[in-house]
N, C-alpha and C. Protein backbone atom coordinates (compact mmCIF):
# COMPACT_ATOMS: atom_id res chain seq x y z
N MET A 1 100.25 157.86 97.95
CA MET A 1 100.74 157.41 99.23
C MET A 1 101.25 158.58 100.06
N PHE A 2 101.78 159.61 99.39
CA PHE A 2 102.32 160.77 100.09
C PHE A 2 101.25 161.41 100.97
N GLU A 3 100.05 161.62 100.43
CA GLU A 3 98.98 162.25 101.19
C GLU A 3 98.55 161.39 102.37
N LEU A 4 98.50 160.10 102.17
CA LEU A 4 98.09 159.19 103.24
C LEU A 4 99.09 159.21 104.40
N VAL A 5 100.36 159.17 104.07
CA VAL A 5 101.39 159.19 105.11
C VAL A 5 101.34 160.50 105.88
N HIS A 6 101.20 161.62 105.17
CA HIS A 6 101.25 162.92 105.82
C HIS A 6 99.95 163.30 106.52
N ARG A 7 98.90 162.60 106.26
CA ARG A 7 97.67 162.83 107.00
C ARG A 7 97.83 162.39 108.45
N TYR A 8 98.56 161.31 108.68
CA TYR A 8 98.71 160.75 110.03
C TYR A 8 100.04 161.09 110.68
N ALA A 9 100.95 161.67 109.95
CA ALA A 9 102.26 162.02 110.51
C ALA A 9 102.17 163.33 111.27
N PRO A 10 103.04 163.52 112.25
CA PRO A 10 103.06 164.81 112.96
C PRO A 10 103.45 165.94 112.00
N GLN A 11 103.06 167.15 112.34
CA GLN A 11 103.34 168.29 111.47
C GLN A 11 104.77 168.82 111.62
N SER A 12 105.39 168.57 112.75
CA SER A 12 106.73 169.11 112.96
C SER A 12 107.78 168.29 112.21
N PRO A 13 108.79 168.96 111.67
CA PRO A 13 109.86 168.23 110.99
C PRO A 13 110.60 167.26 111.92
N THR A 14 110.71 167.63 113.19
CA THR A 14 111.39 166.76 114.15
C THR A 14 110.62 165.46 114.33
N GLY A 15 109.31 165.55 114.47
CA GLY A 15 108.49 164.35 114.63
C GLY A 15 108.52 163.47 113.39
N ARG A 16 108.46 164.09 112.22
CA ARG A 16 108.51 163.32 110.98
C ARG A 16 109.86 162.64 110.81
N THR A 17 110.92 163.34 111.17
CA THR A 17 112.25 162.75 111.06
C THR A 17 112.40 161.58 112.02
N ALA A 18 111.89 161.72 113.24
CA ALA A 18 111.97 160.63 114.23
C ALA A 18 111.23 159.40 113.74
N ILE A 19 110.05 159.59 113.17
CA ILE A 19 109.29 158.45 112.66
C ILE A 19 110.00 157.83 111.47
N ALA A 20 110.60 158.63 110.63
CA ALA A 20 111.35 158.11 109.48
C ALA A 20 112.54 157.28 109.95
N ILE A 21 113.21 157.72 111.01
CA ILE A 21 114.34 156.96 111.54
C ILE A 21 113.88 155.62 112.09
N VAL A 22 112.79 155.63 112.83
CA VAL A 22 112.26 154.38 113.37
C VAL A 22 111.85 153.45 112.24
N ALA A 23 111.21 153.99 111.21
CA ALA A 23 110.80 153.16 110.08
C ALA A 23 112.02 152.55 109.38
N CYS A 24 113.09 153.31 109.28
CA CYS A 24 114.33 152.76 108.68
C CYS A 24 114.94 151.70 109.57
N LEU A 25 114.88 151.91 110.88
CA LEU A 25 115.42 150.91 111.81
C LEU A 25 114.64 149.60 111.76
N ILE A 26 113.39 149.67 111.36
CA ILE A 26 112.59 148.44 111.19
C ILE A 26 112.75 147.91 109.78
N GLY A 27 112.74 148.79 108.80
CA GLY A 27 112.72 148.38 107.40
C GLY A 27 114.01 147.75 106.90
N VAL A 28 115.14 148.30 107.28
CA VAL A 28 116.42 147.77 106.78
C VAL A 28 116.69 146.36 107.31
N PRO A 29 116.56 146.11 108.63
CA PRO A 29 116.75 144.73 109.08
C PRO A 29 115.72 143.75 108.50
N ALA A 30 114.48 144.24 108.32
CA ALA A 30 113.47 143.37 107.71
C ALA A 30 113.84 143.02 106.28
N LEU A 31 114.42 143.96 105.57
CA LEU A 31 114.87 143.71 104.20
C LEU A 31 115.98 142.66 104.18
N VAL A 32 116.96 142.83 105.05
CA VAL A 32 118.07 141.88 105.11
C VAL A 32 117.57 140.50 105.53
N PHE A 33 116.73 140.47 106.56
CA PHE A 33 116.20 139.19 107.03
C PHE A 33 115.33 138.54 105.96
N GLY A 34 114.56 139.36 105.25
CA GLY A 34 113.72 138.82 104.18
C GLY A 34 114.52 138.20 103.06
N LEU A 35 115.64 138.83 102.71
CA LEU A 35 116.49 138.27 101.66
C LEU A 35 117.11 136.94 102.10
N PHE A 36 117.53 136.87 103.35
CA PHE A 36 118.08 135.61 103.85
C PHE A 36 117.00 134.55 104.02
N ALA A 37 115.80 134.96 104.39
CA ALA A 37 114.71 134.01 104.61
C ALA A 37 114.19 133.44 103.30
N LEU A 38 114.41 134.14 102.18
CA LEU A 38 113.96 133.62 100.89
C LEU A 38 114.63 132.30 100.55
N THR A 39 115.84 132.09 101.04
CA THR A 39 116.54 130.83 100.75
C THR A 39 115.90 129.66 101.48
N GLY A 40 115.31 129.90 102.65
CA GLY A 40 114.69 128.82 103.42
C GLY A 40 113.21 128.70 103.15
N SER A 41 112.47 129.70 103.50
CA SER A 41 111.01 129.68 103.37
C SER A 41 110.58 130.90 102.56
N ILE A 42 109.98 130.64 101.43
CA ILE A 42 109.57 131.72 100.53
C ILE A 42 108.47 132.58 101.18
N ALA A 43 107.57 131.97 101.92
CA ALA A 43 106.47 132.72 102.52
C ALA A 43 106.98 133.70 103.57
N SER A 44 107.85 133.25 104.46
CA SER A 44 108.35 134.17 105.50
C SER A 44 109.27 135.22 104.87
N GLY A 45 110.04 134.85 103.88
CA GLY A 45 110.89 135.82 103.19
C GLY A 45 110.07 136.90 102.51
N ALA A 46 108.99 136.50 101.85
CA ALA A 46 108.12 137.46 101.17
C ALA A 46 107.43 138.37 102.18
N LEU A 47 107.07 137.82 103.33
CA LEU A 47 106.43 138.63 104.37
C LEU A 47 107.38 139.71 104.89
N PHE A 48 108.63 139.33 105.15
CA PHE A 48 109.61 140.31 105.61
C PHE A 48 109.95 141.33 104.52
N LEU A 49 109.98 140.89 103.27
CA LEU A 49 110.22 141.83 102.18
C LEU A 49 109.07 142.82 102.04
N LEU A 50 107.86 142.35 102.24
CA LEU A 50 106.69 143.24 102.20
C LEU A 50 106.76 144.25 103.34
N LEU A 51 107.10 143.77 104.54
CA LEU A 51 107.23 144.67 105.69
C LEU A 51 108.31 145.73 105.43
N SER A 52 109.43 145.31 104.89
CA SER A 52 110.50 146.27 104.63
C SER A 52 110.10 147.26 103.55
N THR A 53 109.39 146.81 102.53
CA THR A 53 108.96 147.70 101.47
C THR A 53 108.03 148.78 102.00
N VAL A 54 107.09 148.38 102.84
CA VAL A 54 106.13 149.34 103.40
C VAL A 54 106.83 150.33 104.32
N THR A 55 107.66 149.83 105.24
CA THR A 55 108.29 150.75 106.19
C THR A 55 109.29 151.67 105.51
N LEU A 56 110.03 151.18 104.55
CA LEU A 56 110.98 152.04 103.86
C LEU A 56 110.26 153.04 102.95
N SER A 57 109.12 152.67 102.41
CA SER A 57 108.33 153.62 101.62
C SER A 57 107.79 154.74 102.51
N VAL A 58 107.31 154.38 103.69
CA VAL A 58 106.82 155.40 104.63
C VAL A 58 107.97 156.32 105.03
N ALA A 59 109.14 155.75 105.31
CA ALA A 59 110.30 156.57 105.68
C ALA A 59 110.66 157.51 104.54
N GLY A 60 110.66 157.04 103.33
CA GLY A 60 110.98 157.88 102.18
C GLY A 60 109.99 159.01 102.01
N GLN A 61 108.70 158.72 102.19
CA GLN A 61 107.68 159.76 102.07
C GLN A 61 107.81 160.81 103.17
N LEU A 62 108.15 160.36 104.38
CA LEU A 62 108.34 161.31 105.47
C LEU A 62 109.55 162.20 105.22
N ILE A 63 110.61 161.61 104.73
CA ILE A 63 111.80 162.41 104.42
C ILE A 63 111.48 163.40 103.30
N ARG A 64 110.75 162.97 102.33
CA ARG A 64 110.33 163.86 101.23
C ARG A 64 109.51 165.03 101.77
N GLY A 65 108.63 164.74 102.73
CA GLY A 65 107.84 165.81 103.34
C GLY A 65 108.67 166.80 104.13
N VAL A 66 109.67 166.30 104.85
CA VAL A 66 110.55 167.19 105.61
C VAL A 66 111.32 168.09 104.65
N ILE A 67 111.76 167.53 103.54
CA ILE A 67 112.48 168.34 102.55
C ILE A 67 111.56 169.41 101.96
N ARG A 68 110.32 169.05 101.68
CA ARG A 68 109.36 170.04 101.17
C ARG A 68 109.12 171.15 102.19
N GLN A 69 109.01 170.76 103.48
CA GLN A 69 108.82 171.77 104.52
C GLN A 69 110.02 172.71 104.59
N ALA A 70 111.20 172.14 104.49
CA ALA A 70 112.41 172.97 104.56
C ALA A 70 112.49 173.92 103.37
N ASN A 71 112.13 173.45 102.19
CA ASN A 71 112.16 174.30 101.00
C ASN A 71 111.09 175.37 101.04
N ALA A 72 109.97 175.09 101.70
CA ALA A 72 108.88 176.06 101.76
C ALA A 72 109.07 177.08 102.87
N ALA A 73 109.97 176.82 103.81
CA ALA A 73 110.19 177.74 104.92
C ALA A 73 110.83 179.02 104.40
N PRO A 74 110.45 180.16 104.97
CA PRO A 74 111.07 181.41 104.53
C PRO A 74 112.55 181.41 104.85
N ALA A 75 113.32 182.00 103.95
CA ALA A 75 114.77 182.00 104.11
C ALA A 75 115.23 182.87 105.27
N ASP A 76 114.43 183.87 105.61
CA ASP A 76 114.86 184.76 106.68
C ASP A 76 114.35 184.34 108.05
N SER A 77 113.76 183.14 108.15
CA SER A 77 113.31 182.68 109.46
C SER A 77 114.52 182.38 110.33
N LEU A 78 114.33 182.44 111.63
CA LEU A 78 115.44 182.24 112.55
C LEU A 78 115.91 180.80 112.53
N GLN A 79 117.20 180.60 112.50
CA GLN A 79 117.80 179.29 112.58
C GLN A 79 118.02 178.97 114.06
N ASP A 80 118.28 177.71 114.37
CA ASP A 80 118.58 177.32 115.74
C ASP A 80 119.81 178.09 116.22
N GLY A 81 119.72 178.64 117.40
CA GLY A 81 120.84 179.35 117.97
C GLY A 81 120.83 180.84 117.66
N GLN A 82 120.07 181.28 116.68
CA GLN A 82 120.01 182.71 116.38
C GLN A 82 119.08 183.37 117.38
N GLN A 83 119.33 184.59 117.67
CA GLN A 83 118.49 185.34 118.58
C GLN A 83 117.90 186.54 117.85
N LEU A 84 116.81 187.01 118.38
CA LEU A 84 116.21 188.22 117.82
C LEU A 84 117.13 189.39 118.10
N ASP A 85 117.08 190.41 117.21
CA ASP A 85 117.85 191.62 117.44
C ASP A 85 117.37 192.27 118.73
N GLU A 86 118.27 192.98 119.37
CA GLU A 86 117.90 193.67 120.59
C GLU A 86 116.80 194.67 120.26
N PRO A 87 115.79 194.77 121.10
CA PRO A 87 114.67 195.67 120.79
C PRO A 87 115.07 197.14 120.79
N ASN A 88 116.15 197.52 121.49
CA ASN A 88 116.52 198.93 121.53
C ASN A 88 117.50 199.29 120.41
N GLN A 89 117.75 198.38 119.50
CA GLN A 89 118.66 198.63 118.39
C GLN A 89 117.91 199.41 117.31
N THR A 90 118.56 200.44 116.77
CA THR A 90 117.93 201.22 115.71
C THR A 90 118.03 200.45 114.40
N PRO A 91 117.20 200.79 113.41
CA PRO A 91 117.28 200.11 112.13
C PRO A 91 118.64 200.25 111.46
N VAL A 92 119.28 201.38 111.64
CA VAL A 92 120.60 201.60 111.04
C VAL A 92 121.63 200.67 111.70
N GLU A 93 121.54 200.51 113.04
CA GLU A 93 122.46 199.62 113.73
C GLU A 93 122.24 198.17 113.30
N THR A 94 120.98 197.79 113.11
CA THR A 94 120.68 196.44 112.62
C THR A 94 121.25 196.24 111.23
N LEU A 95 121.12 197.25 110.38
CA LEU A 95 121.66 197.17 109.03
C LEU A 95 123.18 197.05 109.06
N ARG A 96 123.83 197.82 109.91
CA ARG A 96 125.29 197.74 110.04
C ARG A 96 125.72 196.36 110.52
N GLN A 97 124.96 195.81 111.46
CA GLN A 97 125.29 194.48 111.98
C GLN A 97 125.16 193.43 110.88
N ARG A 98 124.10 193.50 110.08
CA ARG A 98 123.91 192.53 108.99
C ARG A 98 125.01 192.66 107.95
N TYR A 99 125.47 193.90 107.69
CA TYR A 99 126.57 194.11 106.75
C TYR A 99 127.86 193.54 107.31
N ALA A 100 128.10 193.75 108.60
CA ALA A 100 129.32 193.24 109.23
C ALA A 100 129.34 191.72 109.25
N GLU A 101 128.18 191.09 109.38
CA GLU A 101 128.11 189.63 109.40
C GLU A 101 128.16 189.02 108.00
N GLY A 102 128.14 189.86 106.98
CA GLY A 102 128.25 189.38 105.61
C GLY A 102 126.93 189.01 104.96
N GLU A 103 125.81 189.34 105.60
CA GLU A 103 124.51 189.04 105.01
C GLU A 103 124.20 189.94 103.82
N LEU A 104 124.77 191.14 103.83
CA LEU A 104 124.53 192.11 102.76
C LEU A 104 125.86 192.49 102.12
N ASP A 105 125.85 192.69 100.80
CA ASP A 105 127.05 193.22 100.16
C ASP A 105 127.00 194.75 100.26
N GLN A 106 128.06 195.41 99.81
CA GLN A 106 128.15 196.86 99.99
C GLN A 106 127.05 197.59 99.23
N GLU A 107 126.73 197.12 98.04
CA GLU A 107 125.69 197.79 97.24
C GLU A 107 124.33 197.71 97.93
N ALA A 108 123.97 196.53 98.42
CA ALA A 108 122.70 196.36 99.12
C ALA A 108 122.68 197.17 100.41
N PHE A 109 123.81 197.19 101.10
CA PHE A 109 123.90 197.97 102.34
C PHE A 109 123.65 199.45 102.07
N GLU A 110 124.32 200.00 101.06
CA GLU A 110 124.16 201.42 100.76
C GLU A 110 122.75 201.74 100.27
N ARG A 111 122.17 200.84 99.48
CA ARG A 111 120.81 201.06 98.99
C ARG A 111 119.82 201.10 100.15
N ARG A 112 119.94 200.15 101.06
CA ARG A 112 119.03 200.12 102.20
C ARG A 112 119.29 201.28 103.16
N LEU A 113 120.55 201.66 103.29
CA LEU A 113 120.88 202.80 104.14
C LEU A 113 120.23 204.06 103.59
N ASP A 114 120.32 204.25 102.28
CA ASP A 114 119.68 205.43 101.67
C ASP A 114 118.17 205.41 101.90
N GLN A 115 117.56 204.24 101.81
CA GLN A 115 116.12 204.14 102.05
C GLN A 115 115.78 204.51 103.49
N LEU A 116 116.60 204.04 104.43
CA LEU A 116 116.35 204.37 105.83
C LEU A 116 116.53 205.86 106.09
N ILE A 117 117.54 206.43 105.50
CA ILE A 117 117.83 207.85 105.73
C ILE A 117 116.74 208.73 105.12
N GLU A 118 116.17 208.31 104.00
CA GLU A 118 115.10 209.08 103.35
C GLU A 118 113.87 209.19 104.25
N THR A 119 113.67 208.22 105.11
CA THR A 119 112.49 208.25 105.98
C THR A 119 112.71 209.12 107.21
N GLU A 120 113.96 209.55 107.46
CA GLU A 120 114.25 210.40 108.61
C GLU A 120 114.00 211.86 108.26
N GLU A 121 114.16 212.70 109.26
CA GLU A 121 113.99 214.14 109.06
C GLU A 121 115.12 214.68 108.21
N PRO A 122 114.88 215.71 107.40
CA PRO A 122 115.88 216.22 106.46
C PRO A 122 117.20 216.64 107.09
N GLU A 123 117.19 217.28 108.28
CA GLU A 123 118.45 217.75 108.86
C GLU A 123 119.32 216.59 109.35
N GLN A 124 118.72 215.42 109.60
CA GLN A 124 119.48 214.26 110.07
C GLN A 124 120.05 213.43 108.93
N GLN A 125 119.56 213.65 107.71
CA GLN A 125 119.91 212.78 106.59
C GLN A 125 121.40 212.81 106.27
N THR A 126 121.98 213.98 106.09
CA THR A 126 123.38 214.04 105.68
C THR A 126 124.31 213.60 106.79
N THR A 127 124.04 213.99 108.01
CA THR A 127 124.93 213.60 109.11
C THR A 127 124.83 212.11 109.39
N GLU A 128 123.68 211.53 109.28
CA GLU A 128 123.50 210.10 109.55
C GLU A 128 124.26 209.27 108.53
N ARG A 129 124.17 209.62 107.26
CA ARG A 129 124.88 208.84 106.21
C ARG A 129 126.38 208.93 106.39
N GLU A 130 126.88 210.12 106.69
CA GLU A 130 128.32 210.28 106.89
C GLU A 130 128.79 209.50 108.13
N ARG A 131 128.00 209.49 109.19
CA ARG A 131 128.37 208.79 110.41
C ARG A 131 128.39 207.28 110.20
N VAL A 132 127.43 206.76 109.46
CA VAL A 132 127.32 205.32 109.25
C VAL A 132 128.42 204.83 108.33
N LEU A 133 128.75 205.58 107.33
CA LEU A 133 129.76 205.13 106.37
C LEU A 133 131.18 205.24 106.90
N GLU A 134 131.37 205.88 108.03
CA GLU A 134 132.73 205.98 108.61
C GLU A 134 133.23 204.67 109.14
């Protein structure tokens, strides 16, 4: 059923979530109405229970797909509200900013700083490391 639902569902997580919400808004009342209708008419109660089962199953599969998409997304992709680094920022400045924001611990910061400095010209290496670590 997962493949069938996702063949016709939109590819964006927002679209899948919206359809899942609509399916829940139909499925939950149909479930409640179906349970109450079972006391009066078994046929109409069973019909509403069937409707609720189908819509809630579709909603569950869509939610499962959104979770899979979220888990498959790269961890370093931009989150809502994040902006790209300024294009005129040097790699060392970007590294310092990531360290200041807590994305990197001191060991990772120093390791990456050494890698960046190794790619620079030899006369800049010692002065750059001393300047950055101040």
